[in-house]
Protein backbone atom coordinates (compact mmCIF):
# COMPACT_ATOMS: atom_id res chain seq x y z
CA UNK A 1 4.34 174.22 67.13
CA UNK A 2 3.65 170.77 65.66
CA UNK A 3 4.60 167.83 67.83
CA UNK A 4 7.49 165.73 66.60
CA UNK A 5 5.72 162.38 66.15
CA UNK A 6 7.66 159.36 64.91
CA UNK A 7 5.58 156.70 63.24
CA UNK A 8 5.73 153.31 64.93
CA UNK A 9 7.44 150.62 62.87
CA UNK A 10 5.10 148.13 61.22
CA UNK A 11 4.63 144.82 63.05
CA UNK A 12 7.17 142.22 62.04
CA UNK A 13 6.13 138.86 60.66
CA UNK A 14 7.87 135.74 61.94
CA UNK A 15 11.26 135.19 60.36
CA UNK A 16 11.17 133.18 57.17
CA UNK A 17 13.60 132.20 54.43
CA UNK A 18 14.83 135.32 52.60
CA UNK A 19 13.76 134.13 49.17
CA UNK A 20 10.90 134.85 46.82
CA UNK A 21 8.09 132.35 46.79
CA UNK A 22 8.06 129.75 44.03
CA UNK A 23 5.95 126.70 43.32
CA UNK A 24 9.04 124.44 43.51
CA UNK A 25 9.65 125.51 47.12
CA UNK A 26 6.18 124.36 48.16
CA UNK A 27 6.80 120.75 47.17
CA UNK A 28 7.99 117.83 49.23
CA UNK A 29 10.56 115.33 47.99
CA UNK A 30 9.59 114.77 44.34
CA UNK A 31 9.50 110.99 44.54
CA UNK A 32 7.04 111.13 47.45
CA UNK A 33 4.53 113.57 45.92
CA UNK A 34 1.18 112.22 44.75
CA UNK A 35 0.75 112.85 41.03
CA UNK A 36 -2.79 114.18 41.51
CA UNK A 37 -1.41 116.67 44.02
CA UNK A 38 1.63 117.56 41.94
CA UNK A 39 -0.32 118.34 38.76
CA UNK A 40 -3.75 119.33 40.04
CA UNK A 41 -4.25 120.17 43.73
CA UNK A 42 -0.96 121.94 44.47
CA UNK A 43 -0.94 124.21 41.40
CA UNK A 44 -4.47 125.36 42.29
CA UNK A 45 -3.52 125.77 45.95
CA UNK A 46 -0.48 127.84 44.97
CA UNK A 47 -2.79 130.20 43.07
CA UNK A 48 -4.65 130.73 46.37
CA UNK A 49 -1.39 131.31 48.25
CA UNK A 50 0.32 133.76 45.90
CA UNK A 51 -1.70 136.86 46.91
CA UNK A 52 -0.48 136.38 50.49
CA UNK A 53 3.24 136.58 49.67
CA UNK A 54 3.63 140.32 50.32
CA UNK A 55 0.55 140.85 52.49
CA UNK A 56 1.07 142.61 55.82
CA UNK A 57 -0.97 139.84 57.41
CA UNK A 58 -1.52 136.29 56.25
CA UNK A 59 -3.18 133.22 57.78
CA UNK A 60 -0.97 130.75 59.57
CA UNK A 61 -0.68 127.16 58.28
CA UNK A 62 -2.91 125.99 61.16
CA UNK A 63 -5.57 128.54 60.21
CA UNK A 64 -5.57 127.15 56.66
CA UNK A 65 -5.94 123.66 58.17
CA UNK A 66 -8.92 124.68 60.30
CA UNK A 67 -10.57 126.58 57.44
CA UNK A 68 -10.23 123.54 55.19
CA UNK A 69 -11.68 121.34 57.92
CA UNK A 70 -14.68 123.65 58.32
CA UNK A 71 -15.36 123.57 54.57
CA UNK A 72 -15.03 119.79 54.54
CA UNK A 73 -17.60 119.38 57.31
CA UNK A 74 -19.87 121.88 55.51
CA UNK A 75 -19.56 119.73 52.37
CA UNK A 76 -20.74 116.74 54.43
CA UNK A 77 -23.76 118.74 55.67
CA UNK A 78 -24.65 119.77 52.10
CA UNK A 79 -24.37 116.16 50.90
CA UNK A 80 -26.58 115.02 53.77
CA UNK A 81 -29.27 117.56 52.82
CA UNK A 82 -29.03 117.46 49.00
CA UNK A 83 -32.11 116.04 47.26
CA UNK A 84 -31.66 113.40 44.57
CA UNK A 85 -30.35 114.82 41.26
CA UNK A 86 -29.99 118.27 42.83
CA UNK A 87 -27.24 120.74 41.82
CA UNK A 88 -26.40 120.80 45.54
CA UNK A 89 -24.30 117.70 44.84
CA UNK A 90 -22.07 119.84 42.65
CA UNK A 91 -21.82 122.34 45.52
CA UNK A 92 -20.80 119.54 47.92
CA UNK A 93 -18.15 118.36 45.44
CA UNK A 94 -16.87 121.93 45.00
CA UNK A 95 -16.66 122.47 48.76
CA UNK A 96 -14.66 119.25 49.13
CA UNK A 97 -12.29 120.37 46.38
CA UNK A 98 -11.81 123.76 48.04
CA UNK A 99 -11.32 122.09 51.44
CA UNK A 100 -8.59 119.95 49.91
CA UNK A 101 -6.91 122.99 48.34
CA UNK A 102 -6.82 124.74 51.73
CA UNK A 103 -5.44 121.52 53.22
CA UNK A 104 -2.65 121.68 50.63
CA UNK A 105 -2.06 125.36 51.43
CA UNK A 106 -1.15 124.66 55.06
CA UNK A 107 1.84 122.45 54.28
CA UNK A 108 2.90 124.54 51.30
CA UNK A 109 2.88 127.73 53.37
CA UNK A 110 4.76 125.99 56.18
CA UNK A 111 7.52 125.00 53.75
CA UNK A 112 7.66 128.48 52.24
CA UNK A 113 7.93 130.24 55.58
CA UNK A 114 9.78 127.69 57.69
CA UNK A 115 6.81 127.15 60.02
CA UNK A 116 6.64 123.36 59.91
CA UNK A 117 5.99 121.73 63.28
CA UNK A 118 5.07 118.33 64.65
CA UNK A 119 1.89 119.76 66.16
CA UNK A 120 0.90 121.25 62.83
CA UNK A 121 1.26 117.84 61.20
CA UNK A 122 -0.80 116.22 63.96
CA UNK A 123 -3.53 118.84 63.58
CA UNK A 124 -3.53 118.37 59.81
CA UNK A 125 -3.86 114.59 60.17
CA UNK A 126 -6.69 114.79 62.68
CA UNK A 127 -8.63 117.33 60.62
CA UNK A 128 -8.21 115.13 57.53
CA UNK A 129 -9.56 112.17 59.48
CA UNK A 130 -12.54 114.12 60.85
CA UNK A 131 -13.43 115.52 57.42
CA UNK A 132 -13.01 112.19 55.65
CA UNK A 133 -15.14 110.24 58.14
CA UNK A 134 -17.88 112.88 58.39
CA UNK A 135 -18.13 113.30 54.63
CA UNK A 136 -18.17 109.58 53.89
CA UNK A 137 -20.72 108.99 56.67
CA UNK A 138 -23.01 111.56 55.03
CA UNK A 139 -22.39 110.04 51.61
CA UNK A 140 -23.14 106.53 52.86
CA UNK A 141 -26.41 107.62 54.44
CA UNK A 142 -27.52 109.32 51.23
CA UNK A 143 -26.06 107.22 48.41
CA UNK A 144 -25.95 103.61 49.68
CA UNK A 145 -28.19 101.42 47.46
CA UNK A 146 -31.47 100.85 49.36
CA UNK A 147 -31.75 97.27 48.09
CA UNK A 148 -28.47 96.36 49.85
CA UNK A 149 -30.18 96.56 53.21
CA UNK A 150 -27.86 96.00 56.17
CA UNK A 151 -25.05 94.95 53.81
CA UNK A 152 -24.54 98.65 53.08
CA UNK A 153 -23.13 99.11 56.60
CA UNK A 154 -20.10 96.78 56.27
CA UNK A 155 -19.62 98.05 52.72
CA UNK A 156 -19.42 101.65 53.95
CA UNK A 157 -17.09 100.64 56.80
CA UNK A 158 -14.84 98.78 54.37
CA UNK A 159 -14.39 102.00 52.41
CA UNK A 160 -13.41 103.99 55.53
CA UNK A 161 -11.06 101.23 56.73
CA UNK A 162 -9.47 100.96 53.28
CA UNK A 163 -8.81 104.70 53.15
CA UNK A 164 -7.30 104.57 56.65
CA UNK A 165 -4.97 101.72 55.64
CA UNK A 166 -3.97 103.31 52.34
CA UNK A 167 -3.20 106.75 53.76
CA UNK A 168 -1.35 105.22 56.72
CA UNK A 169 0.80 103.17 54.36
CA UNK A 170 1.58 106.14 52.16
CA UNK A 171 2.47 108.46 55.05
CA UNK A 172 4.77 105.94 56.68
CA UNK A 173 6.40 104.82 53.46
CA UNK A 174 7.12 108.48 52.75
CA UNK A 175 8.74 108.89 56.18
CA UNK A 176 10.70 105.66 55.73
CA UNK A 177 11.83 106.70 52.24
CA UNK A 178 13.21 109.97 53.61
CA UNK A 179 15.04 108.10 56.38
CA UNK A 180 16.57 105.65 53.91
CA UNK A 181 17.64 108.20 51.30
CA UNK A 182 18.83 111.06 53.50
CA UNK A 183 22.52 111.06 54.49
CA UNK A 184 22.97 110.93 58.27
CA UNK A 185 23.59 114.27 59.92
CA UNK A 186 26.47 114.71 62.35
CA UNK A 187 25.39 114.52 66.00
CA UNK A 188 24.36 117.83 67.49
CA UNK A 189 23.91 118.93 71.05
CA UNK A 190 20.24 119.29 71.88
CA UNK A 191 19.18 121.64 74.63
CA UNK A 192 17.07 119.97 77.28
CA UNK A 193 13.76 121.77 77.77
CA UNK A 194 13.22 123.17 81.24
CA UNK A 195 11.22 121.08 83.66
CA UNK A 196 7.68 122.39 84.17
CA UNK A 197 7.11 124.11 87.46
CA UNK A 198 5.15 122.09 90.02
CA UNK A 199 1.46 122.73 89.65
CA UNK A 200 1.86 124.51 86.29
CA UNK A 201 -0.58 122.14 84.59
CA UNK A 202 -3.24 123.07 87.11
CA UNK A 203 -2.75 126.75 86.32
CA UNK A 204 -3.47 126.26 82.61
CA UNK A 205 -6.68 127.77 81.39
CA UNK A 206 -9.56 125.64 80.10
CA UNK A 207 -8.67 126.26 76.44
CA UNK A 208 -4.98 125.50 77.01
CA UNK A 209 -5.88 122.24 78.75
CA UNK A 210 -8.17 121.31 75.86
CA UNK A 211 -5.38 122.00 73.34
CA UNK A 212 -2.93 119.86 75.32
CA UNK A 213 -5.49 117.06 75.55
CA UNK A 214 -6.27 117.27 71.83
CA UNK A 215 -2.65 116.91 70.76
CA UNK A 216 -2.05 114.10 73.27
CA UNK A 217 -5.08 112.29 71.85
CA UNK A 218 -3.95 112.95 68.26
CA UNK A 219 -0.49 111.55 69.00
CA UNK A 220 -1.96 108.44 70.64
CA UNK A 221 -4.42 107.96 67.77
CA UNK A 222 -1.60 108.29 65.25
CA UNK A 223 0.52 105.71 67.07
CA UNK A 224 -2.32 103.22 67.54
CA UNK A 225 -3.60 103.40 63.96
CA UNK A 226 -1.08 104.58 61.39
CA UNK A 227 2.07 103.29 63.11
CA UNK A 228 0.56 99.85 63.69
CA UNK A 229 -0.63 99.72 60.09
CA UNK A 230 2.90 100.43 58.94
CA UNK A 231 4.46 97.94 61.37
CA UNK A 232 2.16 95.14 60.24
CA UNK A 233 2.28 95.83 56.51
CA UNK A 234 5.85 96.89 55.76
CA UNK A 235 7.47 95.04 58.65
CA UNK A 236 9.52 97.95 59.96
CA UNK A 237 9.00 101.13 61.92
CA UNK A 238 9.10 104.19 59.65
CA UNK A 239 11.83 105.85 61.71
CA UNK A 240 13.90 102.70 62.28
CA UNK A 241 17.65 103.24 61.81
CA UNK A 242 18.82 103.40 58.22
CA UNK A 243 20.86 100.38 57.08
CA UNK A 244 24.53 101.17 56.47
CA UNK A 245 24.04 101.68 52.74
CA UNK A 246 24.89 104.62 50.51
CA UNK A 247 21.75 106.82 50.38
CA UNK A 248 22.04 106.93 46.57
CA UNK A 249 21.84 103.12 46.47
CA UNK A 250 18.88 103.19 48.86
CA UNK A 251 17.11 105.72 46.66
CA UNK A 252 17.68 103.60 43.54
CA UNK A 253 16.15 100.58 45.27
CA UNK A 254 13.26 102.34 47.00
CA UNK A 255 12.11 104.95 44.46
CA UNK A 256 9.96 102.44 42.53
CA UNK A 257 7.94 101.23 45.53
CA UNK A 258 7.70 104.82 46.78
CA UNK A 259 6.14 105.97 43.53
CA UNK A 260 3.72 103.07 43.72
CA UNK A 261 2.77 104.20 47.22
CA UNK A 262 1.98 107.73 46.05
CA UNK A 263 -1.26 106.43 44.50
CA UNK A 264 -2.44 105.46 48.00
CA UNK A 265 -2.27 108.96 49.50
CA UNK A 266 -5.11 111.16 50.65
CA UNK A 267 -5.08 113.30 47.50
CA UNK A 268 -5.99 110.29 45.35
CA UNK A 269 -8.87 109.36 47.63
CA UNK A 270 -10.17 112.91 47.78
CA UNK A 271 -10.22 113.36 44.01
CA UNK A 272 -12.19 110.10 43.78
CA UNK A 273 -14.48 111.31 46.56
CA UNK A 274 -15.42 114.72 45.19
CA UNK A 275 -15.43 113.45 41.60
CA UNK A 276 -17.89 110.70 42.54
CA UNK A 277 -19.97 113.18 44.53
CA UNK A 278 -20.55 115.27 41.43
CA UNK A 279 -21.90 112.16 39.66
CA UNK A 280 -24.81 112.04 42.13
CA UNK A 281 -26.42 114.74 39.99
CA UNK A 282 -27.04 112.00 37.39
CA UNK A 283 -27.47 108.92 39.62
CA UNK A 284 -27.82 109.04 43.40
CA UNK A 285 -26.06 105.72 44.07
CA UNK A 286 -23.15 106.41 41.71
CA UNK A 287 -20.76 107.76 44.43
CA UNK A 288 -21.20 104.59 46.48
CA UNK A 289 -20.53 102.30 43.51
CA UNK A 290 -17.48 104.33 42.47
CA UNK A 291 -16.05 104.17 46.00
CA UNK A 292 -16.57 100.41 46.27
CA UNK A 293 -14.92 99.67 42.93
CA UNK A 294 -12.07 102.20 43.08
CA UNK A 295 -11.18 102.16 46.80
CA UNK A 296 -12.14 98.72 48.09
CA UNK A 297 -11.25 96.73 44.97
CA UNK A 298 -8.71 98.57 42.81
CA UNK A 299 -6.71 100.48 45.44
CA UNK A 300 -6.67 97.55 47.87
CA UNK A 301 -5.14 95.37 45.16
CA UNK A 302 -2.66 98.16 44.40
CA UNK A 303 -1.82 98.38 48.11
CA UNK A 304 -1.02 94.64 48.19
CA UNK A 305 1.33 94.99 45.20
CA UNK A 306 2.93 98.05 46.79
CA UNK A 307 3.54 96.28 50.11
CA UNK A 308 5.14 93.31 48.33
CA UNK A 309 7.36 95.64 46.28
CA UNK A 310 8.34 97.63 49.38
CA UNK A 311 9.17 94.60 51.51
CA UNK A 312 11.23 93.11 48.69
CA UNK A 313 13.18 96.36 48.28
CA UNK A 314 13.77 96.55 52.05
CA UNK A 315 15.05 92.96 51.99
CA UNK A 316 17.43 93.73 49.12
CA UNK A 317 18.63 96.83 50.98
CA UNK A 318 19.28 94.77 54.11
CA UNK A 319 21.23 92.27 51.98
CA UNK A 320 23.37 95.06 50.55
CA UNK A 321 24.06 96.31 54.09
CA UNK A 322 25.15 92.79 55.19
CA UNK A 323 27.41 92.46 52.14
CA UNK A 324 28.99 95.83 52.93
CA UNK A 325 29.70 94.75 56.50
CA UNK A 326 31.34 91.50 55.30
CA UNK A 327 33.50 93.37 52.80
CA UNK A 328 34.63 95.85 55.42
């Protein structure tokens, strides 16, 4: 007699919103999206994501982040080894493009599946920093004009510092914009996490201790660099309390400066980076010249205009809040 065998149920994926995937659901607040991401990087990234919608297994957002980071570092290695005028420069540019698409996939998948987390954002930011610095270091070594001598070193550093300032401004202006334009939520009771047991840290394995150290370092790095950039430039902490102003009024005042800030995001810098890399097929120093002109000159001037526009809008918003208090 045949045994009565009941098939085991398939493994369940983590709970996620009960809706079909759509490109619109992968986007952040429209006013805060970079145009190059909205019309180029994200549509391509969504094409990579779509086959995973009904798959029994799919990568997590963090796995997309790590895969993109690996490709970005590989692109730096290819650029470091590519001979002058070699098609390998096109390969390096293509790897950087694909790395950026995977970097877009992590956040898009997190929004589609409700898997966003503060640690995921920290990991994403640190991987972006590692890829950007390693790739530009390789590019500087290979494409800096030889007749510049030691002047190529501060020039290369000025590009890295400019990118750090621009992306920090954009990220914090985006956070501040969301704070200013989002209606306050009613207070909710928050459960206090349990206290760790004495000696529990010592019982963590080597890998777990490394992960805890990495995220502690990432948080400290984020606070020291990006938060200080924001504090100095826009004169307010991103998460400072929202003035007592109607969010619709705040949006009307802040949407212009926010859209200006979107041209300072990482997507803009990456499209300049891999686009300039491809030009090395025709002229080895072209990527360096493009970065100096576009990042250090043009985008730094744009950042100055954006900061002035943002600070003026914040001042007007504060004035509206004071007038509201007097009227009340």
